N, C-alpha and C. Protein backbone atom coordinates (compact mmCIF):
# COMPACT_ATOMS: atom_id res chain seq x y z
N MET A 1 29.88 -74.66 35.35
CA MET A 1 30.81 -73.83 36.11
C MET A 1 30.69 -72.36 35.72
N ALA A 2 30.42 -72.08 34.43
CA ALA A 2 30.28 -70.70 34.00
C ALA A 2 29.11 -70.03 34.70
N ASP A 3 28.01 -70.78 34.91
CA ASP A 3 26.87 -70.23 35.63
C ASP A 3 27.27 -69.83 37.04
N SER A 4 28.10 -70.66 37.67
CA SER A 4 28.56 -70.37 39.02
C SER A 4 29.38 -69.08 39.05
N TYR A 5 30.27 -68.92 38.07
CA TYR A 5 31.08 -67.70 38.01
C TYR A 5 30.19 -66.49 37.79
N GLU A 6 29.22 -66.63 36.91
CA GLU A 6 28.30 -65.52 36.64
C GLU A 6 27.50 -65.16 37.90
N SER A 7 27.09 -66.17 38.64
CA SER A 7 26.35 -65.95 39.87
C SER A 7 27.21 -65.16 40.86
N PHE A 8 28.46 -65.56 41.02
CA PHE A 8 29.36 -64.84 41.94
C PHE A 8 29.62 -63.43 41.45
N LEU A 9 29.78 -63.29 40.16
CA LEU A 9 30.00 -61.96 39.60
C LEU A 9 28.83 -61.05 39.92
N ASN A 10 27.60 -61.56 39.77
CA ASN A 10 26.42 -60.76 40.09
C ASN A 10 26.37 -60.40 41.57
N VAL A 11 26.74 -61.34 42.44
CA VAL A 11 26.76 -61.06 43.88
C VAL A 11 27.76 -59.95 44.19
N PHE A 12 28.96 -60.06 43.65
CA PHE A 12 29.99 -59.05 43.95
C PHE A 12 29.64 -57.70 43.36
N LYS A 13 29.05 -57.70 42.17
CA LYS A 13 28.61 -56.43 41.59
C LYS A 13 27.54 -55.79 42.46
N ALA A 14 26.60 -56.61 42.93
CA ALA A 14 25.52 -56.08 43.76
C ALA A 14 26.07 -55.51 45.06
N LEU A 15 27.00 -56.21 45.68
CA LEU A 15 27.53 -55.78 46.97
C LEU A 15 28.59 -54.69 46.86
N SER A 16 29.05 -54.41 45.65
CA SER A 16 30.08 -53.38 45.49
C SER A 16 29.52 -51.97 45.63
N ASP A 17 28.21 -51.84 45.58
CA ASP A 17 27.59 -50.53 45.75
C ASP A 17 27.31 -50.29 47.23
N PRO A 18 27.76 -49.17 47.78
CA PRO A 18 27.56 -48.92 49.22
C PRO A 18 26.09 -48.92 49.65
N THR A 19 25.22 -48.41 48.82
CA THR A 19 23.79 -48.39 49.18
C THR A 19 23.24 -49.80 49.27
N ARG A 20 23.57 -50.64 48.29
CA ARG A 20 23.06 -52.02 48.31
C ARG A 20 23.67 -52.80 49.46
N LEU A 21 24.91 -52.56 49.76
CA LEU A 21 25.53 -53.22 50.91
C LEU A 21 24.81 -52.81 52.20
N GLU A 22 24.47 -51.54 52.30
CA GLU A 22 23.75 -51.07 53.49
C GLU A 22 22.36 -51.69 53.56
N ILE A 23 21.71 -51.86 52.42
CA ILE A 23 20.39 -52.51 52.40
C ILE A 23 20.52 -53.94 52.91
N VAL A 24 21.53 -54.67 52.44
CA VAL A 24 21.74 -56.05 52.89
C VAL A 24 21.96 -56.07 54.41
N LEU A 25 22.74 -55.15 54.90
CA LEU A 25 22.99 -55.09 56.35
C LEU A 25 21.71 -54.79 57.12
N LEU A 26 20.85 -53.95 56.58
CA LEU A 26 19.56 -53.68 57.22
C LEU A 26 18.67 -54.92 57.22
N LEU A 27 18.74 -55.70 56.16
CA LEU A 27 17.90 -56.89 56.04
C LEU A 27 18.36 -58.02 56.95
N LYS A 28 19.56 -57.96 57.45
CA LYS A 28 20.04 -59.06 58.29
C LYS A 28 19.29 -59.13 59.62
N ASP A 29 18.73 -58.00 60.05
CA ASP A 29 18.04 -57.95 61.34
C ASP A 29 16.52 -57.90 61.24
N SER A 30 15.99 -57.63 60.05
CA SER A 30 14.53 -57.52 59.92
C SER A 30 14.13 -57.79 58.47
N ASP A 31 12.83 -57.85 58.26
CA ASP A 31 12.26 -58.06 56.93
C ASP A 31 11.36 -56.87 56.62
N PRO A 32 11.97 -55.73 56.31
CA PRO A 32 11.20 -54.50 56.17
C PRO A 32 10.42 -54.43 54.86
N CYS A 33 9.43 -53.56 54.87
CA CYS A 33 8.75 -53.25 53.62
C CYS A 33 9.51 -52.09 52.96
N ALA A 34 9.16 -51.81 51.73
CA ALA A 34 9.85 -50.75 50.99
C ALA A 34 9.76 -49.42 51.72
N CYS A 35 8.61 -49.13 52.32
CA CYS A 35 8.46 -47.84 53.01
C CYS A 35 9.41 -47.73 54.20
N ASP A 36 9.66 -48.86 54.89
CA ASP A 36 10.61 -48.84 56.01
C ASP A 36 12.03 -48.55 55.51
N LEU A 37 12.39 -49.15 54.39
CA LEU A 37 13.71 -48.91 53.82
C LEU A 37 13.85 -47.46 53.36
N LEU A 38 12.79 -46.93 52.77
CA LEU A 38 12.85 -45.54 52.29
C LEU A 38 13.05 -44.55 53.43
N GLU A 39 12.54 -44.87 54.61
CA GLU A 39 12.75 -43.98 55.76
C GLU A 39 14.21 -43.88 56.14
N HIS A 40 14.96 -44.94 55.84
CA HIS A 40 16.37 -44.97 56.20
C HIS A 40 17.24 -44.19 55.20
N PHE A 41 16.80 -44.11 53.96
CA PHE A 41 17.59 -43.48 52.90
C PHE A 41 16.96 -42.17 52.44
N SER A 42 17.77 -41.37 51.79
CA SER A 42 17.25 -40.10 51.26
C SER A 42 17.16 -40.15 49.74
N PHE A 43 16.51 -41.19 49.23
CA PHE A 43 16.25 -41.25 47.80
C PHE A 43 14.82 -41.72 47.55
N SER A 44 14.44 -41.69 46.29
CA SER A 44 13.05 -41.95 45.92
C SER A 44 12.74 -43.44 45.82
N GLN A 45 11.45 -43.74 45.74
CA GLN A 45 11.00 -45.12 45.61
C GLN A 45 11.54 -45.77 44.33
N PRO A 46 11.57 -45.07 43.18
CA PRO A 46 12.15 -45.70 41.98
C PRO A 46 13.63 -46.07 42.16
N THR A 47 14.36 -45.25 42.91
CA THR A 47 15.77 -45.57 43.17
C THR A 47 15.88 -46.82 44.04
N LEU A 48 15.03 -46.91 45.05
CA LEU A 48 15.02 -48.12 45.88
C LEU A 48 14.68 -49.34 45.02
N SER A 49 13.69 -49.21 44.16
CA SER A 49 13.31 -50.33 43.29
C SER A 49 14.47 -50.78 42.42
N TYR A 50 15.23 -49.82 41.92
CA TYR A 50 16.41 -50.15 41.10
C TYR A 50 17.41 -50.98 41.91
N HIS A 51 17.71 -50.54 43.11
CA HIS A 51 18.67 -51.27 43.95
C HIS A 51 18.13 -52.64 44.33
N MET A 52 16.85 -52.72 44.66
CA MET A 52 16.27 -54.01 45.04
C MET A 52 16.26 -54.97 43.86
N LYS A 53 16.03 -54.47 42.67
CA LYS A 53 16.04 -55.32 41.46
C LYS A 53 17.41 -55.97 41.30
N ILE A 54 18.47 -55.21 41.51
CA ILE A 54 19.82 -55.76 41.38
C ILE A 54 20.08 -56.81 42.46
N LEU A 55 19.66 -56.52 43.68
CA LEU A 55 19.86 -57.48 44.78
C LEU A 55 19.04 -58.76 44.55
N ILE A 56 17.85 -58.62 44.01
CA ILE A 56 17.01 -59.79 43.72
C ILE A 56 17.62 -60.59 42.56
N GLU A 57 18.09 -59.92 41.53
CA GLU A 57 18.71 -60.62 40.40
C GLU A 57 19.98 -61.36 40.82
N ALA A 58 20.67 -60.83 41.83
CA ALA A 58 21.87 -61.50 42.35
C ALA A 58 21.50 -62.61 43.32
N ASP A 59 20.22 -62.80 43.55
CA ASP A 59 19.68 -63.84 44.43
C ASP A 59 20.06 -63.62 45.89
N LEU A 60 20.36 -62.38 46.24
CA LEU A 60 20.69 -62.05 47.62
C LEU A 60 19.45 -61.71 48.43
N VAL A 61 18.41 -61.26 47.74
CA VAL A 61 17.19 -60.80 48.39
C VAL A 61 15.98 -61.40 47.67
N THR A 62 14.95 -61.69 48.44
CA THR A 62 13.67 -62.10 47.86
C THR A 62 12.62 -61.08 48.31
N ALA A 63 11.53 -61.02 47.55
CA ALA A 63 10.45 -60.09 47.87
C ALA A 63 9.14 -60.85 47.92
N ARG A 64 8.28 -60.39 48.81
CA ARG A 64 6.95 -61.00 48.92
C ARG A 64 5.93 -59.87 49.09
N LYS A 65 4.92 -59.91 48.27
CA LYS A 65 3.86 -58.90 48.36
C LYS A 65 2.88 -59.31 49.45
N GLU A 66 2.60 -58.36 50.34
CA GLU A 66 1.63 -58.56 51.42
C GLU A 66 0.63 -57.41 51.35
N GLY A 67 -0.48 -57.65 50.69
CA GLY A 67 -1.46 -56.59 50.49
C GLY A 67 -0.87 -55.51 49.60
N LEU A 68 -0.82 -54.30 50.12
CA LEU A 68 -0.24 -53.20 49.34
C LEU A 68 1.27 -53.10 49.50
N TRP A 69 1.82 -53.84 50.43
CA TRP A 69 3.23 -53.72 50.78
C TRP A 69 4.06 -54.82 50.13
N ILE A 70 5.31 -54.51 49.90
CA ILE A 70 6.28 -55.51 49.47
C ILE A 70 7.31 -55.63 50.57
N ARG A 71 7.48 -56.83 51.10
CA ARG A 71 8.47 -57.08 52.14
C ARG A 71 9.69 -57.72 51.48
N TYR A 72 10.85 -57.36 52.01
CA TYR A 72 12.11 -57.88 51.47
C TYR A 72 12.79 -58.76 52.52
N PHE A 73 13.39 -59.83 52.04
CA PHE A 73 14.04 -60.81 52.90
C PHE A 73 15.42 -61.15 52.34
N LEU A 74 16.37 -61.34 53.21
CA LEU A 74 17.68 -61.85 52.79
C LEU A 74 17.50 -63.30 52.35
N ASN A 75 18.15 -63.67 51.27
CA ASN A 75 18.19 -65.07 50.86
C ASN A 75 19.39 -65.68 51.58
N ARG A 76 19.17 -66.09 52.80
CA ARG A 76 20.26 -66.57 53.66
C ARG A 76 20.93 -67.82 53.11
N GLU A 77 20.16 -68.69 52.46
CA GLU A 77 20.76 -69.90 51.89
C GLU A 77 21.80 -69.55 50.84
N HIS A 78 21.44 -68.62 49.95
CA HIS A 78 22.38 -68.23 48.90
C HIS A 78 23.58 -67.51 49.49
N LEU A 79 23.33 -66.64 50.45
CA LEU A 79 24.42 -65.91 51.10
C LEU A 79 25.36 -66.87 51.82
N ASP A 80 24.80 -67.86 52.50
CA ASP A 80 25.62 -68.88 53.16
C ASP A 80 26.46 -69.65 52.14
N GLY A 81 25.87 -69.95 50.98
CA GLY A 81 26.60 -70.65 49.93
C GLY A 81 27.77 -69.83 49.41
N VAL A 82 27.56 -68.54 49.26
CA VAL A 82 28.64 -67.64 48.83
C VAL A 82 29.76 -67.64 49.86
N VAL A 83 29.39 -67.53 51.13
CA VAL A 83 30.39 -67.53 52.20
C VAL A 83 31.16 -68.85 52.23
N ARG A 84 30.44 -69.98 52.10
CA ARG A 84 31.12 -71.29 52.09
C ARG A 84 32.10 -71.41 50.94
N THR A 85 31.69 -70.94 49.76
CA THR A 85 32.57 -71.02 48.60
C THR A 85 33.81 -70.15 48.79
N LEU A 86 33.60 -68.94 49.29
CA LEU A 86 34.76 -68.06 49.53
C LEU A 86 35.68 -68.65 50.59
N SER A 87 35.11 -69.28 51.59
CA SER A 87 35.92 -69.92 52.63
C SER A 87 36.74 -71.06 52.03
N ALA A 88 36.12 -71.86 51.15
CA ALA A 88 36.84 -72.96 50.52
C ALA A 88 37.96 -72.44 49.63
N VAL A 89 37.71 -71.36 48.92
CA VAL A 89 38.75 -70.77 48.06
C VAL A 89 39.91 -70.27 48.92
N THR A 90 39.58 -69.61 50.02
CA THR A 90 40.61 -69.09 50.92
C THR A 90 41.45 -70.23 51.49
N LYS A 91 40.78 -71.29 51.93
CA LYS A 91 41.52 -72.44 52.47
C LYS A 91 42.41 -73.07 51.41
N SER A 92 41.90 -73.16 50.20
CA SER A 92 42.67 -73.74 49.10
C SER A 92 43.92 -72.91 48.81
N VAL A 93 43.73 -71.60 48.77
CA VAL A 93 44.86 -70.71 48.49
C VAL A 93 45.89 -70.79 49.61
N ARG A 94 45.43 -70.81 50.84
CA ARG A 94 46.36 -70.90 51.98
C ARG A 94 47.12 -72.23 51.98
N SER A 95 46.44 -73.31 51.63
CA SER A 95 47.10 -74.62 51.66
C SER A 95 48.14 -74.77 50.56
N THR A 96 47.99 -74.00 49.48
CA THR A 96 48.98 -74.08 48.40
C THR A 96 50.10 -73.07 48.59
N GLY A 97 49.99 -72.22 49.61
CA GLY A 97 51.04 -71.24 49.87
C GLY A 97 50.98 -70.01 49.00
N ARG A 98 49.95 -69.91 48.19
CA ARG A 98 49.84 -68.78 47.27
C ARG A 98 49.51 -67.46 47.97
N ILE A 99 49.15 -67.54 49.21
CA ILE A 99 48.77 -66.32 49.91
C ILE A 99 49.93 -65.73 50.72
N SER A 100 51.06 -66.43 50.74
CA SER A 100 52.17 -65.97 51.58
C SER A 100 52.63 -64.56 51.23
N HIS A 101 52.66 -64.22 49.94
CA HIS A 101 53.09 -62.87 49.57
C HIS A 101 52.07 -61.82 50.04
N LEU A 102 50.79 -62.19 50.10
CA LEU A 102 49.78 -61.26 50.61
C LEU A 102 49.95 -61.04 52.11
N GLU A 103 50.25 -62.11 52.83
CA GLU A 103 50.48 -61.98 54.26
C GLU A 103 51.73 -61.15 54.52
N ARG A 104 52.76 -61.33 53.70
CA ARG A 104 53.99 -60.56 53.83
C ARG A 104 53.69 -59.08 53.59
N ASP A 105 52.90 -58.77 52.56
CA ASP A 105 52.54 -57.38 52.27
C ASP A 105 51.70 -56.78 53.39
N ARG A 106 50.79 -57.57 53.96
CA ARG A 106 49.97 -57.10 55.06
C ARG A 106 50.84 -56.77 56.26
N SER A 107 51.83 -57.60 56.52
CA SER A 107 52.73 -57.38 57.64
C SER A 107 53.54 -56.09 57.42
N ARG A 108 54.01 -55.88 56.19
CA ARG A 108 54.74 -54.64 55.88
C ARG A 108 53.85 -53.42 56.07
N GLN A 109 52.61 -53.51 55.59
CA GLN A 109 51.70 -52.39 55.74
C GLN A 109 51.45 -52.09 57.21
N HIS A 110 51.29 -53.11 58.01
CA HIS A 110 51.05 -52.93 59.45
C HIS A 110 52.25 -52.23 60.10
N ARG A 111 53.47 -52.65 59.74
CA ARG A 111 54.67 -52.00 60.29
C ARG A 111 54.74 -50.54 59.89
N ILE A 112 54.39 -50.23 58.65
CA ILE A 112 54.43 -48.85 58.17
C ILE A 112 53.41 -48.00 58.92
N GLU A 113 52.20 -48.55 59.10
CA GLU A 113 51.17 -47.81 59.81
C GLU A 113 51.57 -47.55 61.26
N ARG A 114 52.20 -48.55 61.90
CA ARG A 114 52.64 -48.36 63.29
C ARG A 114 53.72 -47.30 63.36
N SER A 115 54.61 -47.25 62.37
CA SER A 115 55.71 -46.28 62.41
C SER A 115 55.21 -44.85 62.22
N LYS A 116 54.04 -44.69 61.63
CA LYS A 116 53.47 -43.35 61.43
C LYS A 116 52.88 -42.78 62.73
N LEU A 117 52.62 -43.65 63.69
CA LEU A 117 52.02 -43.20 64.95
C LEU A 117 52.98 -42.48 65.80
């Protein structure tokens, strides 16, 4: 179980960075090489490598060398597993009623935001 927690911790740490989150979103539609990703961002290749290393260590992304190029792919199986686990946790919390205070707070926030309009 500790390995599972560590795995989730690595996923959330990886996705907590806006640049890495944007990389994941770019990978959902294509399997770009590093040069394609660099065209999208205004940072250097070593910076991209740093971000990709974190995403690969979190098992969110895989890399494959093709000649001189490295292509990056979303690890959809792992990502689906993370989503399934979060969904199960959410269902569990809702079924025990532990989320009612969060829903109450959300409702209050919504009323406050509407009153500001």
